[in-house]
Amino acid sequence: LYRSGFARFSNHRFTMEKADITNTLVHLTNVAIQKTAANYDKEQGCKWDLRAMKLFLVSKHGQDPINALLLDIQMLVILSLQSVQRVMMNDRHCFELYGYDVMIDNDLKPW
């Protein structure tokens, strides 16, 4: 697994309220959407490298829970790739690059 990824965030707190279901600023984290928010930070861009995110989470929750979270995320990636390995392209002249979107809930469970 490549360890130098990044985490994207939205400008608004996630909610499942019916009133916010069409609010793209709540549900989509890509720059094309987020840069339209009034409080968008062009310098930060709603994006942290994984090291910064880990340091922040460790400061809030401690080292052991975050190590467990990161292991859970690794296993999520590995097990999902294993489940489709028979149908993945296998060509020695090229490679496939896979990215994952992972949400972390209040209990530090990755989804």
PDB file of N, CA and C in Angstrom:
ATOM      1  N   LEU A   1       0.835  -1.190   0.000  1.00  0.00           N
ATOM      2  CA  LEU A   1       0.000   0.000   0.000  1.00  0.00           C
ATOM      3  C   LEU A   1       0.871   1.241   0.000  1.00  0.00           C
ATOM      4  N   TYR A   2       0.479   2.217  -0.777  1.00  0.00           N
ATOM      5  CA  TYR A   2       1.196   3.480  -0.844  1.00  0.00           C
ATOM      6  C   TYR A   2       0.840   4.308   0.384  1.00  0.00           C
ATOM      7  N   ARG A   3       1.808   4.798   1.089  1.00  0.00           N
ATOM      8  CA  ARG A   3       1.570   5.449   2.380  1.00  0.00           C
ATOM      9  C   ARG A   3       1.503   6.974   2.305  1.00  0.00           C
ATOM     10  N   SER A   4       1.750   7.553   1.156  1.00  0.00           N
ATOM     11  CA  SER A   4       1.785   9.010   1.053  1.00  0.00           C
ATOM     12  C   SER A   4       0.543   9.537   0.350  1.00  0.00           C
ATOM     13  N   GLY A   5      -0.588   9.197   0.846  1.00  0.00           N
ATOM     14  CA  GLY A   5      -1.837   9.661   0.252  1.00  0.00           C
ATOM     15  C   GLY A   5      -2.292  10.960   0.875  1.00  0.00           C
ATOM     16  N   PHE A   6      -3.544  11.250   0.695  1.00  0.00           N
ATOM     17  CA  PHE A   6      -4.098  12.465   1.270  1.00  0.00           C
ATOM     18  C   PHE A   6      -5.547  12.231   1.668  1.00  0.00           C
ATOM     19  N   ALA A   7      -6.034  13.129   2.497  1.00  0.00           N
ATOM     20  CA  ALA A   7      -7.427  13.082   2.939  1.00  0.00           C
ATOM     21  C   ALA A   7      -8.101  14.378   2.499  1.00  0.00           C
ATOM     22  N   ARG A   8      -9.278  14.262   1.958  1.00  0.00           N
ATOM     23  CA  ARG A   8     -10.065  15.436   1.567  1.00  0.00           C
ATOM     24  C   ARG A   8     -11.208  15.610   2.566  1.00  0.00           C
ATOM     25  N   PHE A   9     -11.586  16.857   2.757  1.00  0.00           N
ATOM     26  CA  PHE A   9     -12.653  17.195   3.693  1.00  0.00           C
ATOM     27  C   PHE A   9     -13.639  18.131   3.021  1.00  0.00           C
ATOM     28  N   SER A  10     -14.816  18.207   3.593  1.00  0.00           N
ATOM     29  CA  SER A  10     -15.781  19.174   3.085  1.00  0.00           C
ATOM     30  C   SER A  10     -15.784  20.388   4.012  1.00  0.00           C
ATOM     31  N   ASN A  11     -16.346  21.468   3.518  1.00  0.00           N
ATOM     32  CA  ASN A  11     -16.454  22.689   4.315  1.00  0.00           C
ATOM     33  C   ASN A  11     -17.578  22.616   5.337  1.00  0.00           C
ATOM     34  N   HIS A  12     -18.448  21.647   5.197  1.00  0.00           N
ATOM     35  CA  HIS A  12     -19.608  21.526   6.084  1.00  0.00           C
ATOM     36  C   HIS A  12     -19.604  20.170   6.761  1.00  0.00           C
ATOM     37  N   ARG A  13     -20.120  20.140   7.965  1.00  0.00           N
ATOM     38  CA  ARG A  13     -20.212  18.889   8.727  1.00  0.00           C
ATOM     39  C   ARG A  13     -21.197  17.946   8.047  1.00  0.00           C
ATOM     40  N   PHE A  14     -20.813  16.671   7.960  1.00  0.00           N
ATOM     41  CA  PHE A  14     -21.665  15.658   7.342  1.00  0.00           C
ATOM     42  C   PHE A  14     -22.959  15.498   8.128  1.00  0.00           C
ATOM     43  N   THR A  15     -24.045  15.316   7.414  1.00  0.00           N
ATOM     44  CA  THR A  15     -25.344  15.090   8.033  1.00  0.00           C
ATOM     45  C   THR A  15     -26.206  14.244   7.106  1.00  0.00           C
ATOM     46  N   MET A  16     -27.119  13.513   7.697  1.00  0.00           N
ATOM     47  CA  MET A  16     -28.085  12.749   6.915  1.00  0.00           C
ATOM     48  C   MET A  16     -29.472  13.382   6.975  1.00  0.00           C
ATOM     49  N   GLU A  17     -29.531  14.610   7.443  1.00  0.00           N
ATOM     50  CA  GLU A  17     -30.807  15.321   7.514  1.00  0.00           C
ATOM     51  C   GLU A  17     -31.399  15.483   6.122  1.00  0.00           C
ATOM     52  N   LYS A  18     -32.696  15.299   6.015  1.00  0.00           N
ATOM     53  CA  LYS A  18     -33.360  15.418   4.707  1.00  0.00           C
ATOM     54  C   LYS A  18     -33.134  16.783   4.072  1.00  0.00           C
ATOM     55  N   ALA A  19     -33.088  17.819   4.882  1.00  0.00           N
ATOM     56  CA  ALA A  19     -32.902  19.165   4.350  1.00  0.00           C
ATOM     57  C   ALA A  19     -31.539  19.334   3.674  1.00  0.00           C
ATOM     58  N   ASP A  20     -30.554  18.524   4.052  1.00  0.00           N
ATOM     59  CA  ASP A  20     -29.207  18.652   3.503  1.00  0.00           C
ATOM     60  C   ASP A  20     -28.863  17.604   2.456  1.00  0.00           C
ATOM     61  N   ILE A  21     -29.800  16.761   2.082  1.00  0.00           N
ATOM     62  CA  ILE A  21     -29.494  15.651   1.192  1.00  0.00           C
ATOM     63  C   ILE A  21     -29.015  16.133  -0.184  1.00  0.00           C
ATOM     64  N   THR A  22     -29.439  17.306  -0.623  1.00  0.00           N
ATOM     65  CA  THR A  22     -29.005  17.827  -1.923  1.00  0.00           C
ATOM     66  C   THR A  22     -27.863  18.836  -1.809  1.00  0.00           C
ATOM     67  N   ASN A  23     -27.379  19.066  -0.594  1.00  0.00           N
ATOM     68  CA  ASN A  23     -26.283  20.007  -0.399  1.00  0.00           C
ATOM     69  C   ASN A  23     -24.962  19.329  -0.761  1.00  0.00           C
ATOM     70  N   THR A  24     -24.453  19.628  -1.939  1.00  0.00           N
ATOM     71  CA  THR A  24     -23.224  18.969  -2.402  1.00  0.00           C
ATOM     72  C   THR A  24     -22.011  19.322  -1.555  1.00  0.00           C
ATOM     73  N   LEU A  25     -22.036  20.456  -0.876  1.00  0.00           N
ATOM     74  CA  LEU A  25     -20.914  20.832  -0.011  1.00  0.00           C
ATOM     75  C   LEU A  25     -20.800  19.913   1.201  1.00  0.00           C
ATOM     76  N   VAL A  26     -21.872  19.243   1.554  1.00  0.00           N
ATOM     77  CA  VAL A  26     -21.867  18.309   2.680  1.00  0.00           C
ATOM     78  C   VAL A  26     -21.382  16.936   2.224  1.00  0.00           C
ATOM     79  N   HIS A  27     -21.772  16.525   1.050  1.00  0.00           N
ATOM     80  CA  HIS A  27     -21.592  15.136   0.632  1.00  0.00           C
ATOM     81  C   HIS A  27     -20.448  14.883  -0.361  1.00  0.00           C
ATOM     82  N   LEU A  28     -19.922  15.912  -1.002  1.00  0.00           N
ATOM     83  CA  LEU A  28     -18.855  15.726  -1.985  1.00  0.00           C
ATOM     84  C   LEU A  28     -17.622  16.514  -1.577  1.00  0.00           C
ATOM     85  N   THR A  29     -16.454  15.878  -1.663  1.00  0.00           N
ATOM     86  CA  THR A  29     -15.235  16.540  -1.209  1.00  0.00           C
ATOM     87  C   THR A  29     -14.304  16.974  -2.338  1.00  0.00           C
ATOM     88  N   ASN A  30     -14.688  16.793  -3.580  1.00  0.00           N
ATOM     89  CA  ASN A  30     -13.787  17.183  -4.660  1.00  0.00           C
ATOM     90  C   ASN A  30     -13.691  18.707  -4.757  1.00  0.00           C
ATOM     91  N   VAL A  31     -12.559  19.181  -5.239  1.00  0.00           N
ATOM     92  CA  VAL A  31     -12.247  20.602  -5.258  1.00  0.00           C
ATOM     93  C   VAL A  31     -13.242  21.396  -6.105  1.00  0.00           C
ATOM     94  N   ALA A  32     -13.668  20.839  -7.223  1.00  0.00           N
ATOM     95  CA  ALA A  32     -14.593  21.552  -8.100  1.00  0.00           C
ATOM     96  C   ALA A  32     -15.862  21.962  -7.365  1.00  0.00           C
ATOM     97  N   ILE A  33     -16.286  21.153  -6.397  1.00  0.00           N
ATOM     98  CA  ILE A  33     -17.475  21.471  -5.600  1.00  0.00           C
ATOM     99  C   ILE A  33     -17.106  22.377  -4.433  1.00  0.00           C
ATOM    100  N   GLN A  34     -16.083  21.990  -3.658  1.00  0.00           N
ATOM    101  CA  GLN A  34     -15.751  22.700  -2.428  1.00  0.00           C
ATOM    102  C   GLN A  34     -15.279  24.133  -2.656  1.00  0.00           C
ATOM    103  N   LYS A  35     -14.644  24.412  -3.789  1.00  0.00           N
ATOM    104  CA  LYS A  35     -14.142  25.768  -4.018  1.00  0.00           C
ATOM    105  C   LYS A  35     -15.257  26.789  -4.200  1.00  0.00           C
ATOM    106  N   THR A  36     -16.491  26.326  -4.351  1.00  0.00           N
ATOM    107  CA  THR A  36     -17.624  27.250  -4.459  1.00  0.00           C
ATOM    108  C   THR A  36     -18.163  27.665  -3.092  1.00  0.00           C
ATOM    109  N   ALA A  37     -17.675  27.056  -2.024  1.00  0.00           N
ATOM    110  CA  ALA A  37     -18.147  27.404  -0.675  1.00  0.00           C
ATOM    111  C   ALA A  37     -17.597  28.761  -0.258  1.00  0.00           C
ATOM    112  N   ALA A  38     -18.374  29.506   0.485  1.00  0.00           N
ATOM    113  CA  ALA A  38     -17.967  30.843   0.924  1.00  0.00           C
ATOM    114  C   ALA A  38     -16.711  30.794   1.790  1.00  0.00           C
ATOM    115  N   ASN A  39     -16.537  29.740   2.581  1.00  0.00           N
ATOM    116  CA  ASN A  39     -15.395  29.657   3.498  1.00  0.00           C
ATOM    117  C   ASN A  39     -14.277  28.758   2.972  1.00  0.00           C
ATOM    118  N   TYR A  40     -14.203  28.560   1.679  1.00  0.00           N
ATOM    119  CA  TYR A  40     -13.152  27.723   1.087  1.00  0.00           C
ATOM    120  C   TYR A  40     -11.786  28.381   1.270  1.00  0.00           C
ATOM    121  N   ASP A  41     -10.809  27.614   1.712  1.00  0.00           N
ATOM    122  CA  ASP A  41      -9.449  28.086   1.937  1.00  0.00           C
ATOM    123  C   ASP A  41      -8.575  27.652   0.753  1.00  0.00           C
ATOM    124  N   LYS A  42      -8.187  28.579  -0.092  1.00  0.00           N
ATOM    125  CA  LYS A  42      -7.407  28.241  -1.289  1.00  0.00           C
ATOM    126  C   LYS A  42      -6.044  27.655  -0.947  1.00  0.00           C
ATOM    127  N   GLU A  43      -5.464  28.063   0.171  1.00  0.00           N
ATOM    128  CA  GLU A  43      -4.155  27.537   0.582  1.00  0.00           C
ATOM    129  C   GLU A  43      -4.258  26.085   1.026  1.00  0.00           C
ATOM    130  N   GLN A  44      -5.239  25.784   1.861  1.00  0.00           N
ATOM    131  CA  GLN A  44      -5.411  24.433   2.412  1.00  0.00           C
ATOM    132  C   GLN A  44      -6.146  23.528   1.424  1.00  0.00           C
ATOM    133  N   GLY A  45      -7.154  24.072   0.760  1.00  0.00           N
ATOM    134  CA  GLY A  45      -7.878  23.329  -0.252  1.00  0.00           C
ATOM    135  C   GLY A  45      -8.659  22.143   0.271  1.00  0.00           C
ATOM    136  N   CYS A  46      -9.000  22.123   1.548  1.00  0.00           N
ATOM    137  CA  CYS A  46      -9.754  21.007   2.153  1.00  0.00           C
ATOM    138  C   CYS A  46      -9.014  19.685   1.994  1.00  0.00           C
ATOM    139  N   LYS A  47      -7.695  19.732   2.007  1.00  0.00           N
ATOM    140  CA  LYS A  47      -6.913  18.517   1.800  1.00  0.00           C
ATOM    141  C   LYS A  47      -5.720  18.511   2.753  1.00  0.00           C
ATOM    142  N   TRP A  48      -5.506  17.369   3.428  1.00  0.00           N
ATOM    143  CA  TRP A  48      -4.336  17.166   4.276  1.00  0.00           C
ATOM    144  C   TRP A  48      -3.601  15.937   3.780  1.00  0.00           C
ATOM    145  N   ASP A  49      -2.275  15.933   3.923  1.00  0.00           N
ATOM    146  CA  ASP A  49      -1.579  14.678   3.648  1.00  0.00           C
ATOM    147  C   ASP A  49      -1.864  13.724   4.818  1.00  0.00           C
ATOM    148  N   LEU A  50      -1.675  12.440   4.587  1.00  0.00           N
ATOM    149  CA  LEU A  50      -2.047  11.451   5.602  1.00  0.00           C
ATOM    150  C   LEU A  50      -1.263  11.615   6.897  1.00  0.00           C
ATOM    151  N   ARG A  51      -0.029  12.079   6.809  1.00  0.00           N
ATOM    152  CA  ARG A  51       0.771  12.297   8.017  1.00  0.00           C
ATOM    153  C   ARG A  51       0.118  13.353   8.901  1.00  0.00           C
ATOM    154  N   ALA A  52      -0.315  14.462   8.307  1.00  0.00           N
ATOM    155  CA  ALA A  52      -0.974  15.527   9.063  1.00  0.00           C
ATOM    156  C   ALA A  52      -2.283  15.032   9.664  1.00  0.00           C
ATOM    157  N   MET A  53      -3.034  14.253   8.891  1.00  0.00           N
ATOM    158  CA  MET A  53      -4.288  13.729   9.414  1.00  0.00           C
ATOM    159  C   MET A  53      -4.032  12.796  10.591  1.00  0.00           C
ATOM    160  N   LYS A  54      -3.019  11.934  10.466  1.00  0.00           N
ATOM    161  CA  LYS A  54      -2.707  11.009  11.558  1.00  0.00           C
ATOM    162  C   LYS A  54      -2.285  11.767  12.809  1.00  0.00           C
ATOM    163  N   LEU A  55      -1.438  12.776  12.669  1.00  0.00           N
ATOM    164  CA  LEU A  55      -1.016  13.570  13.830  1.00  0.00           C
ATOM    165  C   LEU A  55      -2.209  14.232  14.512  1.00  0.00           C
ATOM    166  N   PHE A  56      -3.123  14.768  13.726  1.00  0.00           N
ATOM    167  CA  PHE A  56      -4.318  15.392  14.288  1.00  0.00           C
ATOM    168  C   PHE A  56      -5.159  14.364  15.041  1.00  0.00           C
ATOM    169  N   LEU A  57      -5.403  13.217  14.413  1.00  0.00           N
ATOM    170  CA  LEU A  57      -6.224  12.188  15.059  1.00  0.00           C
ATOM    171  C   LEU A  57      -5.565  11.647  16.325  1.00  0.00           C
ATOM    172  N   VAL A  58      -4.247  11.467  16.310  1.00  0.00           N
ATOM    173  CA  VAL A  58      -3.538  11.006  17.506  1.00  0.00           C
ATOM    174  C   VAL A  58      -3.682  12.024  18.628  1.00  0.00           C
ATOM    175  N   SER A  59      -3.627  13.317  18.300  1.00  0.00           N
ATOM    176  CA  SER A  59      -3.772  14.353  19.330  1.00  0.00           C
ATOM    177  C   SER A  59      -5.166  14.340  19.957  1.00  0.00           C
ATOM    178  N   LYS A  60      -6.154  13.883  19.208  1.00  0.00           N
ATOM    179  CA  LYS A  60      -7.536  13.838  19.703  1.00  0.00           C
ATOM    180  C   LYS A  60      -7.890  12.526  20.399  1.00  0.00           C
ATOM    181  N   HIS A  61      -7.336  11.396  19.894  1.00  0.00           N
ATOM    182  CA  HIS A  61      -7.790  10.081  20.344  1.00  0.00           C
ATOM    183  C   HIS A  61      -6.700   9.208  20.947  1.00  0.00           C
ATOM    184  N   GLY A  62      -5.440   9.588  20.798  1.00  0.00           N
ATOM    185  CA  GLY A  62      -4.342   8.768  21.308  1.00  0.00           C
ATOM    186  C   GLY A  62      -3.774   7.849  20.231  1.00  0.00           C
ATOM    187  N   GLN A  63      -2.562   7.364  20.481  1.00  0.00           N
ATOM    188  CA  GLN A  63      -1.827   6.566  19.493  1.00  0.00           C
ATOM    189  C   GLN A  63      -2.478   5.210  19.196  1.00  0.00           C
ATOM    190  N   ASP A  64      -2.847   4.462  20.240  1.00  0.00           N
ATOM    191  CA  ASP A  64      -3.364   3.104  20.030  1.00  0.00           C
ATOM    192  C   ASP A  64      -4.655   3.062  19.218  1.00  0.00           C
ATOM    193  N   PRO A  65      -5.660   3.893  19.528  1.00  0.00           N
ATOM    194  CA  PRO A  65      -6.878   3.849  18.704  1.00  0.00           C
ATOM    195  C   PRO A  65      -6.633   4.225  17.244  1.00  0.00           C
ATOM    196  N   ILE A  66      -5.703   5.145  17.008  1.00  0.00           N
ATOM    197  CA  ILE A  66      -5.435   5.559  15.620  1.00  0.00           C
ATOM    198  C   ILE A  66      -4.633   4.493  14.889  1.00  0.00           C
ATOM    199  N   ASN A  67      -3.715   3.840  15.578  1.00  0.00           N
ATOM    200  CA  ASN A  67      -3.020   2.709  14.951  1.00  0.00           C
ATOM    201  C   ASN A  67      -4.014   1.627  14.562  1.00  0.00           C
ATOM    202  N   ALA A  68      -4.991   1.364  15.426  1.00  0.00           N
ATOM    203  CA  ALA A  68      -6.027   0.369  15.119  1.00  0.00           C
ATOM    204  C   ALA A  68      -6.869   0.823  13.925  1.00  0.00           C
ATOM    205  N   LEU A  69      -7.215   2.102  13.886  1.00  0.00           N
ATOM    206  CA  LEU A  69      -7.979   2.649  12.761  1.00  0.00           C
ATOM    207  C   LEU A  69      -7.226   2.469  11.449  1.00  0.00           C
ATOM    208  N   LEU A  70      -5.950   2.815  11.440  1.00  0.00           N
ATOM    209  CA  LEU A  70      -5.165   2.707  10.209  1.00  0.00           C
ATOM    210  C   LEU A  70      -4.997   1.255   9.773  1.00  0.00           C
ATOM    211  N   LEU A  71      -4.877   0.351  10.727  1.00  0.00           N
ATOM    212  CA  LEU A  71      -4.833  -1.070  10.387  1.00  0.00           C
ATOM    213  C   LEU A  71      -6.167  -1.516   9.791  1.00  0.00           C
ATOM    214  N   ASP A  72      -7.270  -1.045  10.374  1.00  0.00           N
ATOM    215  CA  ASP A  72      -8.595  -1.370   9.826  1.00  0.00           C
ATOM    216  C   ASP A  72      -8.744  -0.862   8.392  1.00  0.00           C
ATOM    217  N   ILE A  73      -8.220   0.336   8.122  1.00  0.00           N
ATOM    218  CA  ILE A  73      -8.292   0.876   6.763  1.00  0.00           C
ATOM    219  C   ILE A  73      -7.442   0.028   5.812  1.00  0.00           C
ATOM    220  N   GLN A  74      -6.254  -0.357   6.260  1.00  0.00           N
ATOM    221  CA  GLN A  74      -5.414  -1.237   5.433  1.00  0.00           C
ATOM    222  C   GLN A  74      -6.146  -2.530   5.113  1.00  0.00           C
ATOM    223  N   MET A  75      -6.767  -3.119   6.102  1.00  0.00           N
ATOM    224  CA  MET A  75      -7.469  -4.384   5.890  1.00  0.00           C
ATOM    225  C   MET A  75      -8.673  -4.196   4.970  1.00  0.00           C
ATOM    226  N   LEU A  76      -9.350  -3.068   5.077  1.00  0.00           N
ATOM    227  CA  LEU A  76     -10.468  -2.766   4.186  1.00  0.00           C
ATOM    228  C   LEU A  76      -9.988  -2.777   2.733  1.00  0.00           C
ATOM    229  N   VAL A  77      -8.853  -2.145   2.483  1.00  0.00           N
ATOM    230  CA  VAL A  77      -8.296  -2.087   1.126  1.00  0.00           C
ATOM    231  C   VAL A  77      -7.856  -3.472   0.663  1.00  0.00           C
ATOM    232  N   ILE A  78      -7.083  -4.153   1.485  1.00  0.00           N
ATOM    233  CA  ILE A  78      -6.552  -5.468   1.106  1.00  0.00           C
ATOM    234  C   ILE A  78      -7.671  -6.466   0.853  1.00  0.00           C
ATOM    235  N   LEU A  79      -8.629  -6.551   1.761  1.00  0.00           N
ATOM    236  CA  LEU A  79      -9.706  -7.532   1.605  1.00  0.00           C
ATOM    237  C   LEU A  79     -10.607  -7.218   0.412  1.00  0.00           C
ATOM    238  N   SER A  80     -10.844  -5.931   0.158  1.00  0.00           N
ATOM    239  CA  SER A  80     -11.673  -5.596  -1.005  1.00  0.00           C
ATOM    240  C   SER A  80     -10.953  -5.941  -2.308  1.00  0.00           C
ATOM    241  N   LEU A  81      -9.637  -5.729  -2.360  1.00  0.00           N
ATOM    242  CA  LEU A  81      -8.881  -6.102  -3.566  1.00  0.00           C
ATOM    243  C   LEU A  81      -8.820  -7.614  -3.745  1.00  0.00           C
ATOM    244  N   GLN A  82      -8.676  -8.328  -2.644  1.00  0.00           N
ATOM    245  CA  GLN A  82      -8.670  -9.793  -2.735  1.00  0.00           C
ATOM    246  C   GLN A  82     -10.002 -10.317  -3.256  1.00  0.00           C
ATOM    247  N   SER A  83     -11.074  -9.637  -2.898  1.00  0.00           N
ATOM    248  CA  SER A  83     -12.397 -10.119  -3.319  1.00  0.00           C
ATOM    249  C   SER A  83     -12.626  -9.997  -4.818  1.00  0.00           C
ATOM    250  N   VAL A  84     -11.885  -9.136  -5.500  1.00  0.00           N
ATOM    251  CA  VAL A  84     -12.058  -8.951  -6.943  1.00  0.00           C
ATOM    252  C   VAL A  84     -10.816  -9.328  -7.748  1.00  0.00           C
ATOM    253  N   GLN A  85      -9.857  -9.950  -7.118  1.00  0.00           N
ATOM    254  CA  GLN A  85      -8.589 -10.212  -7.810  1.00  0.00           C
ATOM    255  C   GLN A  85      -8.743 -11.063  -9.057  1.00  0.00           C
ATOM    256  N   ARG A  86      -9.724 -11.926  -9.118  1.00  0.00           N
ATOM    257  CA  ARG A  86      -9.901 -12.779 -10.299  1.00  0.00           C
ATOM    258  C   ARG A  86     -10.374 -12.010 -11.523  1.00  0.00           C
ATOM    259  N   VAL A  87     -11.003 -10.863 -11.307  1.00  0.00           N
ATOM    260  CA  VAL A  87     -11.508 -10.096 -12.446  1.00  0.00           C
ATOM    261  C   VAL A  87     -10.680  -8.844 -12.720  1.00  0.00           C
ATOM    262  N   MET A  88      -9.638  -8.635 -11.936  1.00  0.00           N
ATOM    263  CA  MET A  88      -8.769  -7.479 -12.162  1.00  0.00           C
ATOM    264  C   MET A  88      -7.880  -7.732 -13.370  1.00  0.00           C
ATOM    265  N   MET A  89      -7.592  -6.671 -14.104  1.00  0.00           N
ATOM    266  CA  MET A  89      -6.741  -6.782 -15.271  1.00  0.00           C
ATOM    267  C   MET A  89      -5.332  -7.181 -14.837  1.00  0.00           C
ATOM    268  N   ASN A  90      -4.753  -8.114 -15.541  1.00  0.00           N
ATOM    269  CA  ASN A  90      -3.394  -8.570 -15.245  1.00  0.00           C
ATOM    270  C   ASN A  90      -2.601  -8.523 -16.541  1.00  0.00           C
ATOM    271  N   ASP A  91      -1.927  -7.414 -16.762  1.00  0.00           N
ATOM    272  CA  ASP A  91      -1.161  -7.216 -17.986  1.00  0.00           C
ATOM    273  C   ASP A  91       0.236  -6.749 -17.600  1.00  0.00           C
ATOM    274  N   ARG A  92       1.250  -7.480 -18.000  1.00  0.00           N
ATOM    275  CA  ARG A  92       2.606  -7.142 -17.587  1.00  0.00           C
ATOM    276  C   ARG A  92       3.130  -5.867 -18.237  1.00  0.00           C
ATOM    277  N   HIS A  93       2.409  -5.303 -19.197  1.00  0.00           N
ATOM    278  CA  HIS A  93       2.843  -4.086 -19.882  1.00  0.00           C
ATOM    279  C   HIS A  93       2.216  -2.813 -19.303  1.00  0.00           C
ATOM    280  N   CYS A  94       1.391  -2.969 -18.294  1.00  0.00           N
ATOM    281  CA  CYS A  94       0.778  -1.794 -17.673  1.00  0.00           C
ATOM    282  C   CYS A  94       0.418  -2.130 -16.235  1.00  0.00           C
ATOM    283  N   PHE A  95      -0.067  -1.167 -15.521  1.00  0.00           N
ATOM    284  CA  PHE A  95      -0.476  -1.400 -14.146  1.00  0.00           C
ATOM    285  C   PHE A  95      -1.772  -0.651 -13.879  1.00  0.00           C
ATOM    286  N   GLU A  96      -2.453  -1.064 -12.859  1.00  0.00           N
ATOM    287  CA  GLU A  96      -3.688  -0.419 -12.437  1.00  0.00           C
ATOM    288  C   GLU A  96      -3.419   0.350 -11.148  1.00  0.00           C
ATOM    289  N   LEU A  97      -4.013   1.507 -11.032  1.00  0.00           N
ATOM    290  CA  LEU A  97      -3.899   2.319  -9.838  1.00  0.00           C
ATOM    291  C   LEU A  97      -5.289   2.451  -9.237  1.00  0.00           C
ATOM    292  N   TYR A  98      -5.430   2.068  -7.980  1.00  0.00           N
ATOM    293  CA  TYR A  98      -6.723   2.109  -7.315  1.00  0.00           C
ATOM    294  C   TYR A  98      -6.692   3.114  -6.179  1.00  0.00           C
ATOM    295  N   GLY A  99      -7.728   3.893  -6.076  1.00  0.00           N
ATOM    296  CA  GLY A  99      -7.878   4.840  -4.980  1.00  0.00           C
ATOM    297  C   GLY A  99      -9.105   4.474  -4.169  1.00  0.00           C
ATOM    298  N   TYR A 100      -9.096   4.813  -2.919  1.00  0.00           N
ATOM    299  CA  TYR A 100     -10.208   4.480  -2.030  1.00  0.00           C
ATOM    300  C   TYR A 100     -10.744   5.722  -1.354  1.00  0.00           C
ATOM    301  N   ASP A 101     -12.049   5.769  -1.222  1.00  0.00           N
ATOM    302  CA  ASP A 101     -12.708   6.783  -0.416  1.00  0.00           C
ATOM    303  C   ASP A 101     -13.158   6.095   0.858  1.00  0.00           C
ATOM    304  N   VAL A 102     -12.668   6.562   1.986  1.00  0.00           N
ATOM    305  CA  VAL A 102     -12.994   5.950   3.272  1.00  0.00           C
ATOM    306  C   VAL A 102     -13.560   7.031   4.182  1.00  0.00           C
ATOM    307  N   MET A 103     -14.704   6.749   4.751  1.00  0.00           N
ATOM    308  CA  MET A 103     -15.276   7.642   5.758  1.00  0.00           C
ATOM    309  C   MET A 103     -15.003   7.040   7.127  1.00  0.00           C
ATOM    310  N   ILE A 104     -14.741   7.886   8.111  1.00  0.00           N
ATOM    311  CA  ILE A 104     -14.459   7.445   9.481  1.00  0.00           C
ATOM    312  C   ILE A 104     -15.566   7.989  10.374  1.00  0.00           C
ATOM    313  N   ASP A 105     -16.238   7.095  11.085  1.00  0.00           N
ATOM    314  CA  ASP A 105     -17.331   7.553  11.939  1.00  0.00           C
ATOM    315  C   ASP A 105     -16.824   7.995  13.319  1.00  0.00           C
ATOM    316  N   ASN A 106     -17.744   8.430  14.172  1.00  0.00           N
ATOM    317  CA  ASN A 106     -17.378   8.923  15.507  1.00  0.00           C
ATOM    318  C   ASN A 106     -16.715   7.886  16.388  1.00  0.00           C
ATOM    319  N   ASP A 107     -16.917   6.613  16.090  1.00  0.00           N
ATOM    320  CA  ASP A 107     -16.319   5.529  16.854  1.00  0.00           C
ATOM    321  C   ASP A 107     -15.007   5.063  16.229  1.00  0.00           C
ATOM    322  N   LEU A 108     -14.474   5.824  15.295  1.00  0.00           N
ATOM    323  CA  LEU A 108     -13.241   5.517  14.576  1.00  0.00           C
ATOM    324  C   LEU A 108     -13.341   4.223  13.771  1.00  0.00           C
ATOM    325  N   LYS A 109     -14.516   3.985  13.225  1.00  0.00           N
ATOM    326  CA  LYS A 109     -14.716   2.841  12.347  1.00  0.00           C
ATOM    327  C   LYS A 109     -14.687   3.332  10.899  1.00  0.00           C
ATOM    328  N   PRO A 110     -13.826   2.727  10.075  1.00  0.00           N
ATOM    329  CA  PRO A 110     -13.783   3.138   8.668  1.00  0.00           C
ATOM    330  C   PRO A 110     -14.896   2.478   7.862  1.00  0.00           C
ATOM    331  N   TRP A 111     -15.437   3.227   6.945  1.00  0.00           N
ATOM    332  CA  TRP A 111     -16.502   2.739   6.046  1.00  0.00           C
ATOM    333  C   TRP A 111     -16.096   2.997   4.616  1.00  0.00           C
TER     334      TRP A 111
END
